[in-house]
N, C-alpha and C. Protein backbone atom coordinates (compact mmCIF):
# COMPACT_ATOMS: atom_id res chain seq x y z
N MET A 1 0.82 -1.17 0.02
CA MET A 1 0.09 0.01 -0.02
C MET A 1 0.94 1.33 -0.19
N ILE A 2 0.49 2.17 -0.76
CA ILE A 2 1.16 3.46 -0.80
C ILE A 2 0.81 4.24 0.32
N SER A 3 1.70 4.77 1.03
CA SER A 3 1.26 5.79 2.13
C SER A 3 1.59 7.30 1.95
N LYS A 4 2.76 7.44 1.13
CA LYS A 4 3.17 8.90 0.92
C LYS A 4 3.27 9.15 -0.33
N TYR A 5 2.82 10.27 -1.12
CA TYR A 5 2.83 10.54 -2.53
C TYR A 5 3.81 11.83 -2.72
N HIS A 6 4.76 11.85 -3.59
CA HIS A 6 5.31 13.16 -3.91
C HIS A 6 4.39 14.14 -4.08
N ASN A 7 4.64 15.35 -3.65
CA ASN A 7 3.73 16.32 -3.61
C ASN A 7 3.36 17.05 -5.22
N SER A 8 4.49 16.97 -5.92
CA SER A 8 4.15 17.72 -7.26
C SER A 8 3.26 16.90 -8.20
N LYS A 9 2.59 17.56 -9.00
CA LYS A 9 1.65 16.97 -9.96
C LYS A 9 2.51 16.28 -11.01
N LYS A 10 2.22 14.99 -11.16
CA LYS A 10 2.82 14.10 -12.12
C LYS A 10 2.19 14.26 -13.49
N HIS A 11 3.13 14.30 -14.54
CA HIS A 11 2.47 14.52 -15.69
C HIS A 11 2.72 13.12 -16.78
N PHE A 12 1.53 12.54 -17.19
CA PHE A 12 1.62 11.39 -17.87
C PHE A 12 1.16 11.64 -19.35
N LEU A 13 1.96 10.84 -20.29
CA LEU A 13 1.60 10.75 -21.66
C LEU A 13 1.12 9.49 -22.07
N ILE A 14 -0.13 9.26 -22.47
CA ILE A 14 -0.51 7.88 -22.90
C ILE A 14 -0.66 7.92 -24.36
N ILE A 15 0.09 7.13 -24.95
CA ILE A 15 -0.04 7.04 -26.54
C ILE A 15 -0.57 5.58 -26.72
N ASP A 16 -2.01 5.74 -27.26
CA ASP A 16 -2.84 4.70 -27.62
C ASP A 16 -3.76 5.08 -28.58
N ASP A 17 -4.16 4.29 -29.63
CA ASP A 17 -5.16 4.54 -30.41
C ASP A 17 -6.65 4.14 -30.06
N ASP A 18 -6.69 3.51 -28.80
CA ASP A 18 -7.93 3.12 -28.36
C ASP A 18 -8.32 4.01 -27.06
N GLU A 19 -9.44 4.77 -27.46
CA GLU A 19 -9.95 5.66 -26.39
C GLU A 19 -10.42 4.88 -25.10
N ASP A 20 -11.03 3.66 -25.28
CA ASP A 20 -11.25 2.92 -24.06
C ASP A 20 -10.11 2.90 -23.18
N GLU A 21 -8.83 2.68 -23.73
CA GLU A 21 -7.66 2.71 -22.82
C GLU A 21 -7.37 3.71 -22.08
N MET A 22 -7.56 4.96 -22.70
CA MET A 22 -7.50 6.13 -21.89
C MET A 22 -8.46 6.35 -20.65
N LYS A 23 -9.50 5.97 -21.08
CA LYS A 23 -10.65 6.01 -19.85
C LYS A 23 -10.10 5.07 -18.81
N PHE A 24 -9.84 3.83 -19.31
CA PHE A 24 -9.37 2.67 -18.32
C PHE A 24 -8.26 3.33 -17.36
N PHE A 25 -7.21 3.96 -18.04
CA PHE A 25 -6.04 4.42 -17.35
C PHE A 25 -6.45 5.63 -16.24
N THR A 26 -7.45 6.47 -16.96
CA THR A 26 -7.88 7.66 -16.07
C THR A 26 -8.68 7.10 -14.70
N GLU A 27 -9.61 6.21 -14.89
CA GLU A 27 -10.15 5.42 -13.79
C GLU A 27 -9.16 4.80 -12.67
N ALA A 28 -8.19 4.12 -13.42
CA ALA A 28 -7.23 3.57 -12.41
C ALA A 28 -6.53 4.77 -11.77
N LEU A 29 -6.02 5.87 -12.39
CA LEU A 29 -5.49 6.93 -11.68
C LEU A 29 -6.12 7.49 -10.58
N LYS A 30 -7.21 7.76 -10.89
CA LYS A 30 -8.22 8.26 -9.95
C LYS A 30 -8.22 7.49 -8.57
N SER A 31 -8.32 6.14 -8.76
CA SER A 31 -8.21 5.38 -7.47
C SER A 31 -6.98 5.35 -6.83
N ILE A 32 -5.85 5.64 -7.35
CA ILE A 32 -4.54 5.76 -6.85
C ILE A 32 -4.52 6.93 -5.92
N LYS A 33 -5.28 7.93 -6.35
CA LYS A 33 -5.27 9.44 -5.70
C LYS A 33 -3.83 10.07 -5.77
N ILE A 34 -3.07 9.87 -6.96
CA ILE A 34 -1.86 10.57 -7.18
C ILE A 34 -2.32 11.80 -7.81
N SER A 35 -1.50 12.87 -7.55
CA SER A 35 -1.91 14.24 -8.06
C SER A 35 -1.16 14.10 -9.65
N TYR A 36 -1.95 14.29 -10.67
CA TYR A 36 -1.52 14.03 -11.96
C TYR A 36 -2.17 14.71 -13.04
N LYS A 37 -1.49 14.77 -14.09
CA LYS A 37 -2.13 15.45 -15.26
C LYS A 37 -1.91 14.25 -16.40
N CYS A 38 -2.91 14.07 -17.21
CA CYS A 38 -2.82 13.13 -18.18
C CYS A 38 -3.11 13.71 -19.64
N THR A 39 -2.05 13.44 -20.51
CA THR A 39 -2.20 13.84 -21.91
C THR A 39 -2.39 12.72 -22.76
N TRP A 40 -3.08 12.65 -23.82
CA TRP A 40 -3.37 11.47 -24.53
C TRP A 40 -3.09 11.82 -25.98
N ALA A 41 -2.29 10.91 -26.65
CA ALA A 41 -2.07 10.98 -28.18
C ALA A 41 -2.58 9.72 -28.77
N LYS A 42 -3.24 9.79 -29.89
CA LYS A 42 -3.86 8.71 -30.53
C LYS A 42 -3.03 8.09 -31.39
N SER A 43 -1.88 8.50 -31.70
CA SER A 43 -0.79 7.85 -32.54
C SER A 43 0.57 8.45 -32.19
N GLY A 44 1.39 7.57 -32.58
CA GLY A 44 2.90 7.74 -32.39
C GLY A 44 3.23 9.14 -33.09
N GLU A 45 2.61 9.31 -34.29
CA GLU A 45 3.07 10.68 -34.91
C GLU A 45 2.58 12.06 -34.17
N GLN A 46 1.31 11.88 -33.44
CA GLN A 46 0.64 12.85 -32.76
C GLN A 46 1.62 13.12 -31.40
N ALA A 47 1.97 11.84 -30.88
CA ALA A 47 2.68 11.84 -29.77
C ALA A 47 4.24 12.87 -29.84
N LEU A 48 4.81 12.48 -30.99
CA LEU A 48 6.18 13.04 -31.38
C LEU A 48 6.08 14.59 -31.36
N GLN A 49 4.67 14.93 -32.18
CA GLN A 49 4.54 16.45 -32.03
C GLN A 49 4.40 17.02 -30.75
N GLN A 50 3.70 16.52 -29.91
CA GLN A 50 3.19 16.89 -28.63
C GLN A 50 4.43 16.86 -27.64
N LEU A 51 5.50 15.97 -28.04
CA LEU A 51 6.65 16.01 -27.14
C LEU A 51 7.54 17.22 -27.35
N ASN A 52 7.47 17.99 -28.18
CA ASN A 52 8.12 19.20 -28.46
C ASN A 52 7.71 20.17 -27.33
N TYR A 53 6.62 20.16 -26.74
CA TYR A 53 6.30 21.10 -25.76
C TYR A 53 5.77 20.68 -24.41
N LEU A 54 5.91 19.17 -24.32
CA LEU A 54 5.51 18.72 -22.89
C LEU A 54 6.61 18.50 -21.94
N THR A 55 6.45 18.50 -20.85
CA THR A 55 7.32 18.13 -19.69
C THR A 55 6.62 17.07 -19.04
N LEU A 56 7.22 15.93 -19.08
CA LEU A 56 6.57 14.65 -18.61
C LEU A 56 7.35 13.80 -17.59
N ASP A 57 6.61 13.02 -17.00
CA ASP A 57 7.19 12.09 -15.78
C ASP A 57 7.35 10.64 -16.37
N ILE A 58 6.33 10.41 -17.06
CA ILE A 58 6.36 9.02 -17.66
C ILE A 58 5.47 8.96 -18.91
N ILE A 59 5.90 8.12 -19.75
CA ILE A 59 5.01 7.86 -21.06
C ILE A 59 4.50 6.25 -21.17
N PHE A 60 3.43 6.12 -21.36
CA PHE A 60 2.66 4.83 -21.45
C PHE A 60 2.65 4.64 -23.07
N LEU A 61 3.14 3.60 -23.69
CA LEU A 61 3.10 3.45 -25.14
C LEU A 61 2.67 2.20 -25.41
N ASP A 62 1.56 2.21 -26.33
CA ASP A 62 0.99 0.85 -26.89
C ASP A 62 1.82 0.50 -28.07
N VAL A 63 1.92 -0.79 -28.33
CA VAL A 63 2.72 -1.28 -29.20
C VAL A 63 1.91 -1.28 -30.49
N ASN A 64 0.68 -1.89 -30.41
CA ASN A 64 0.05 -2.06 -31.73
C ASN A 64 -1.03 -0.87 -31.91
N MET A 65 -0.39 -0.13 -32.82
CA MET A 65 -1.16 1.08 -33.40
C MET A 65 -1.10 1.30 -34.89
N PRO A 66 -2.05 1.67 -35.67
CA PRO A 66 -1.91 1.95 -36.81
C PRO A 66 -0.97 2.97 -37.41
N GLY A 67 -0.42 2.82 -38.51
CA GLY A 67 0.69 4.00 -38.94
C GLY A 67 2.00 3.56 -38.07
N MET A 68 2.41 4.42 -37.28
CA MET A 68 3.74 4.37 -36.53
C MET A 68 3.25 3.39 -35.25
N ASN A 69 4.02 2.10 -35.35
CA ASN A 69 3.90 1.37 -34.17
C ASN A 69 4.62 1.73 -32.84
N GLY A 70 4.21 1.10 -31.82
CA GLY A 70 5.06 1.53 -30.68
C GLY A 70 6.51 1.31 -30.70
N PHE A 71 7.11 0.36 -31.23
CA PHE A 71 8.56 0.17 -31.45
C PHE A 71 9.00 1.30 -32.14
N GLN A 72 8.39 1.68 -33.14
CA GLN A 72 8.83 2.90 -34.21
C GLN A 72 8.84 4.16 -33.35
N CYS A 73 7.65 4.35 -32.62
CA CYS A 73 7.62 5.42 -31.86
C CYS A 73 8.48 5.65 -30.60
N LEU A 74 8.86 4.33 -30.04
CA LEU A 74 9.78 4.43 -29.05
C LEU A 74 11.26 4.87 -29.56
N THR A 75 11.63 4.35 -30.74
CA THR A 75 12.91 4.59 -31.32
C THR A 75 13.07 6.20 -31.61
N GLU A 76 11.97 6.74 -32.04
CA GLU A 76 11.98 8.22 -32.31
C GLU A 76 12.05 9.05 -30.91
N ILE A 77 11.25 8.70 -30.11
CA ILE A 77 11.30 9.26 -28.71
C ILE A 77 12.79 9.31 -28.01
N ARG A 78 13.32 8.17 -28.24
CA ARG A 78 14.73 8.13 -27.59
C ARG A 78 15.62 9.04 -28.43
N LYS A 79 15.29 9.48 -29.55
CA LYS A 79 16.20 10.30 -30.44
C LYS A 79 16.17 11.64 -29.87
N LEU A 80 15.00 12.04 -29.28
CA LEU A 80 14.78 13.44 -28.62
C LEU A 80 15.67 13.73 -27.29
N PRO A 81 16.31 14.76 -27.36
CA PRO A 81 17.27 15.01 -26.29
C PRO A 81 16.52 15.05 -24.90
N ASP A 82 15.42 15.90 -24.98
CA ASP A 82 14.71 16.10 -23.92
C ASP A 82 13.90 14.96 -23.24
N CYS A 83 13.93 13.80 -24.00
CA CYS A 83 13.01 12.57 -23.83
C CYS A 83 14.15 11.35 -23.37
N SER A 84 15.15 11.49 -23.44
CA SER A 84 16.17 10.56 -23.15
C SER A 84 16.04 9.73 -22.00
N SER A 85 15.66 10.48 -20.99
CA SER A 85 15.60 9.88 -19.51
C SER A 85 14.13 9.64 -18.84
N ILE A 86 13.18 10.16 -19.84
CA ILE A 86 11.87 9.85 -19.46
C ILE A 86 11.64 8.39 -19.29
N PRO A 87 10.98 7.77 -18.28
CA PRO A 87 10.63 6.61 -18.39
C PRO A 87 9.60 6.22 -19.37
N VAL A 88 9.69 5.12 -20.33
CA VAL A 88 8.80 4.96 -21.26
C VAL A 88 8.22 3.30 -21.21
N ILE A 89 7.00 3.24 -20.79
CA ILE A 89 6.55 1.73 -20.37
C ILE A 89 5.72 1.42 -21.55
N LEU A 90 6.26 0.38 -22.15
CA LEU A 90 5.68 -0.19 -23.48
C LEU A 90 4.50 -1.30 -22.96
N LEU A 91 3.33 -1.24 -23.64
CA LEU A 91 2.37 -2.01 -23.18
C LEU A 91 1.83 -2.70 -24.37
N SER A 92 1.30 -3.82 -24.33
CA SER A 92 0.59 -4.62 -25.29
C SER A 92 -0.24 -5.75 -24.74
N SER A 93 -1.46 -6.15 -25.21
CA SER A 93 -2.13 -7.13 -24.75
C SER A 93 -1.80 -8.53 -25.27
N GLN A 94 -0.62 -8.46 -26.11
CA GLN A 94 -0.05 -9.57 -26.75
C GLN A 94 1.36 -9.62 -26.22
N MET A 95 1.88 -8.90 -25.10
CA MET A 95 3.21 -8.74 -24.87
C MET A 95 3.79 -10.32 -24.73
N ASN A 96 4.88 -10.41 -25.18
CA ASN A 96 5.64 -11.71 -25.13
C ASN A 96 7.08 -11.48 -24.91
N ASP A 97 7.92 -12.58 -24.71
CA ASP A 97 9.26 -12.32 -24.39
C ASP A 97 10.01 -11.68 -25.45
N ASN A 98 9.83 -12.07 -26.79
CA ASN A 98 10.50 -11.36 -27.98
C ASN A 98 10.15 -9.97 -28.05
N MET A 99 8.88 -9.61 -27.82
CA MET A 99 8.52 -8.24 -27.93
C MET A 99 9.04 -7.25 -26.73
N ARG A 100 9.21 -7.98 -25.53
CA ARG A 100 9.82 -7.43 -24.35
C ARG A 100 11.29 -7.20 -24.67
N ALA A 101 12.14 -8.11 -25.23
CA ALA A 101 13.37 -7.94 -25.51
C ALA A 101 13.59 -6.84 -26.44
N LYS A 102 12.80 -6.76 -27.52
CA LYS A 102 12.89 -5.76 -28.52
C LYS A 102 12.66 -4.33 -27.89
N GLY A 103 11.63 -4.28 -27.18
CA GLY A 103 11.36 -3.05 -26.30
C GLY A 103 12.50 -2.55 -25.50
N LEU A 104 12.95 -3.36 -24.71
CA LEU A 104 13.95 -2.95 -23.82
C LEU A 104 15.17 -2.59 -24.50
N GLN A 105 15.46 -3.26 -25.69
CA GLN A 105 16.80 -3.00 -26.44
C GLN A 105 16.50 -1.75 -27.24
N LEU A 106 15.35 -1.27 -27.46
CA LEU A 106 15.09 0.11 -28.11
C LEU A 106 14.98 1.11 -27.07
N GLY A 107 14.99 0.97 -25.71
CA GLY A 107 15.20 2.08 -24.80
C GLY A 107 13.95 2.15 -23.89
N ALA A 108 12.98 1.02 -23.96
CA ALA A 108 11.82 1.00 -22.99
C ALA A 108 12.38 0.93 -21.54
N THR A 109 11.84 1.43 -20.54
CA THR A 109 12.14 1.37 -19.15
C THR A 109 11.55 0.04 -18.83
N ALA A 110 10.47 -0.33 -19.21
CA ALA A 110 9.78 -1.64 -18.93
C ALA A 110 8.79 -2.09 -20.01
N CYS A 111 8.57 -3.26 -20.12
CA CYS A 111 7.39 -3.85 -20.92
C CYS A 111 6.44 -4.61 -20.29
N PHE A 112 5.14 -4.40 -20.55
CA PHE A 112 4.27 -5.35 -19.78
C PHE A 112 3.11 -5.80 -20.44
N LYS A 113 2.42 -6.63 -20.26
CA LYS A 113 1.17 -7.08 -20.81
C LYS A 113 -0.02 -6.07 -20.07
N LYS A 114 -0.92 -5.57 -20.95
CA LYS A 114 -1.79 -4.64 -20.57
C LYS A 114 -2.67 -5.42 -19.50
N PRO A 115 -3.01 -4.87 -18.36
CA PRO A 115 -3.81 -5.67 -17.34
C PRO A 115 -5.34 -5.51 -17.91
N ASN A 116 -5.94 -6.61 -17.59
CA ASN A 116 -7.49 -6.87 -17.95
C ASN A 116 -8.50 -6.31 -17.28
N SER A 117 -8.27 -5.62 -16.03
CA SER A 117 -9.22 -5.17 -15.26
C SER A 117 -8.70 -3.81 -14.66
N ILE A 118 -9.60 -2.95 -14.16
CA ILE A 118 -9.17 -1.69 -13.54
C ILE A 118 -8.37 -2.02 -12.15
N ALA A 119 -8.83 -3.11 -11.44
CA ALA A 119 -8.35 -3.43 -10.27
C ALA A 119 -6.89 -3.88 -10.54
N ASP A 120 -6.61 -4.74 -11.59
CA ASP A 120 -5.14 -5.26 -12.04
C ASP A 120 -4.31 -3.93 -12.34
N LEU A 121 -5.07 -3.04 -13.19
CA LEU A 121 -4.20 -1.83 -13.38
C LEU A 121 -3.83 -1.00 -12.34
N ILE A 122 -4.58 -0.78 -11.31
CA ILE A 122 -4.29 -0.02 -10.17
C ILE A 122 -3.22 -0.82 -9.32
N ILE A 123 -3.27 -2.01 -9.19
CA ILE A 123 -2.07 -2.67 -8.56
C ILE A 123 -0.98 -2.43 -9.67
N PHE A 124 -0.84 -2.76 -11.01
CA PHE A 124 0.29 -2.43 -11.68
C PHE A 124 0.58 -0.98 -11.58
N LEU A 125 -0.09 -0.16 -11.63
CA LEU A 125 0.38 1.42 -11.61
C LEU A 125 1.12 1.60 -10.31
N GLU A 126 0.50 1.29 -9.18
CA GLU A 126 1.16 1.30 -7.86
C GLU A 126 2.46 0.74 -7.81
N ASN A 127 2.57 -0.42 -8.16
CA ASN A 127 3.79 -1.11 -8.14
C ASN A 127 4.88 -0.27 -9.00
N LEU A 128 4.48 0.03 -10.33
CA LEU A 128 5.38 0.68 -11.20
C LEU A 128 5.78 2.07 -10.76
N PHE A 129 4.84 2.80 -10.04
CA PHE A 129 5.32 4.10 -9.58
C PHE A 129 6.20 4.00 -8.25
N ILE A 130 6.19 3.04 -7.66
CA ILE A 130 7.11 2.77 -6.68
C ILE A 130 8.37 2.47 -7.21
N ARG A 131 8.41 1.50 -8.22
CA ARG A 131 9.69 1.06 -8.95
C ARG A 131 10.42 2.18 -9.43
N ILE A 132 9.73 3.18 -10.08
CA ILE A 132 10.38 4.33 -10.84
C ILE A 132 10.45 5.46 -10.01
N SER A 133 10.11 5.39 -8.50
CA SER A 133 10.28 6.51 -7.60
C SER A 133 9.32 7.56 -7.81
N LEU A 134 8.13 7.34 -8.32
CA LEU A 134 7.15 8.49 -8.46
C LEU A 134 6.31 8.56 -7.26
N VAL A 135 6.35 7.53 -6.42
CA VAL A 135 5.71 7.51 -5.18
C VAL A 135 6.67 6.68 -4.19
N GLU A 136 6.42 6.96 -2.87
CA GLU A 136 7.14 6.14 -1.98
C GLU A 136 6.21 5.19 -1.34
N SER A 137 6.87 4.01 -0.96
CA SER A 137 5.79 2.87 -0.26
C SER A 137 5.89 3.10 1.14
N SER A 138 4.94 2.40 1.84
CA SER A 138 5.02 2.43 3.35
C SER A 138 6.23 1.50 3.91
N ALA A 139 6.75 0.70 2.94
CA ALA A 139 7.83 -0.10 3.43
C ALA A 139 9.18 0.57 3.56
N HIS A 140 9.34 1.82 2.97
CA HIS A 140 10.53 2.52 3.02
C HIS A 140 10.64 3.11 4.54
């Protein structure tokens, strides 16, 4: 359980062509009660345009999108000087070991299979935020 959140508002970019995924993430983030702002890009191309003027704490990137896929988008994100250290979490409902290896090789911070329920997504996000030090756990 998370007991103490860093005070500053966190800014997340969710890159996913599925509007339901954005709603899913928003519901989960509300349950975590972290102070956040969420920006959504419907494509890799749109995200790359937005990255020119956003200051982000984390990027959630879907692998399977029309046009530029998540691997291609990740490659372009990592070329941007201001984005080289932003954690990028690669997500796919079909995530497997080969996809994970490719994502990590291209510079993803982590690669995960998309959780199937809001409850699972909440647990996933809480653990992820502790792991990348966006929040502190009560165990510290």
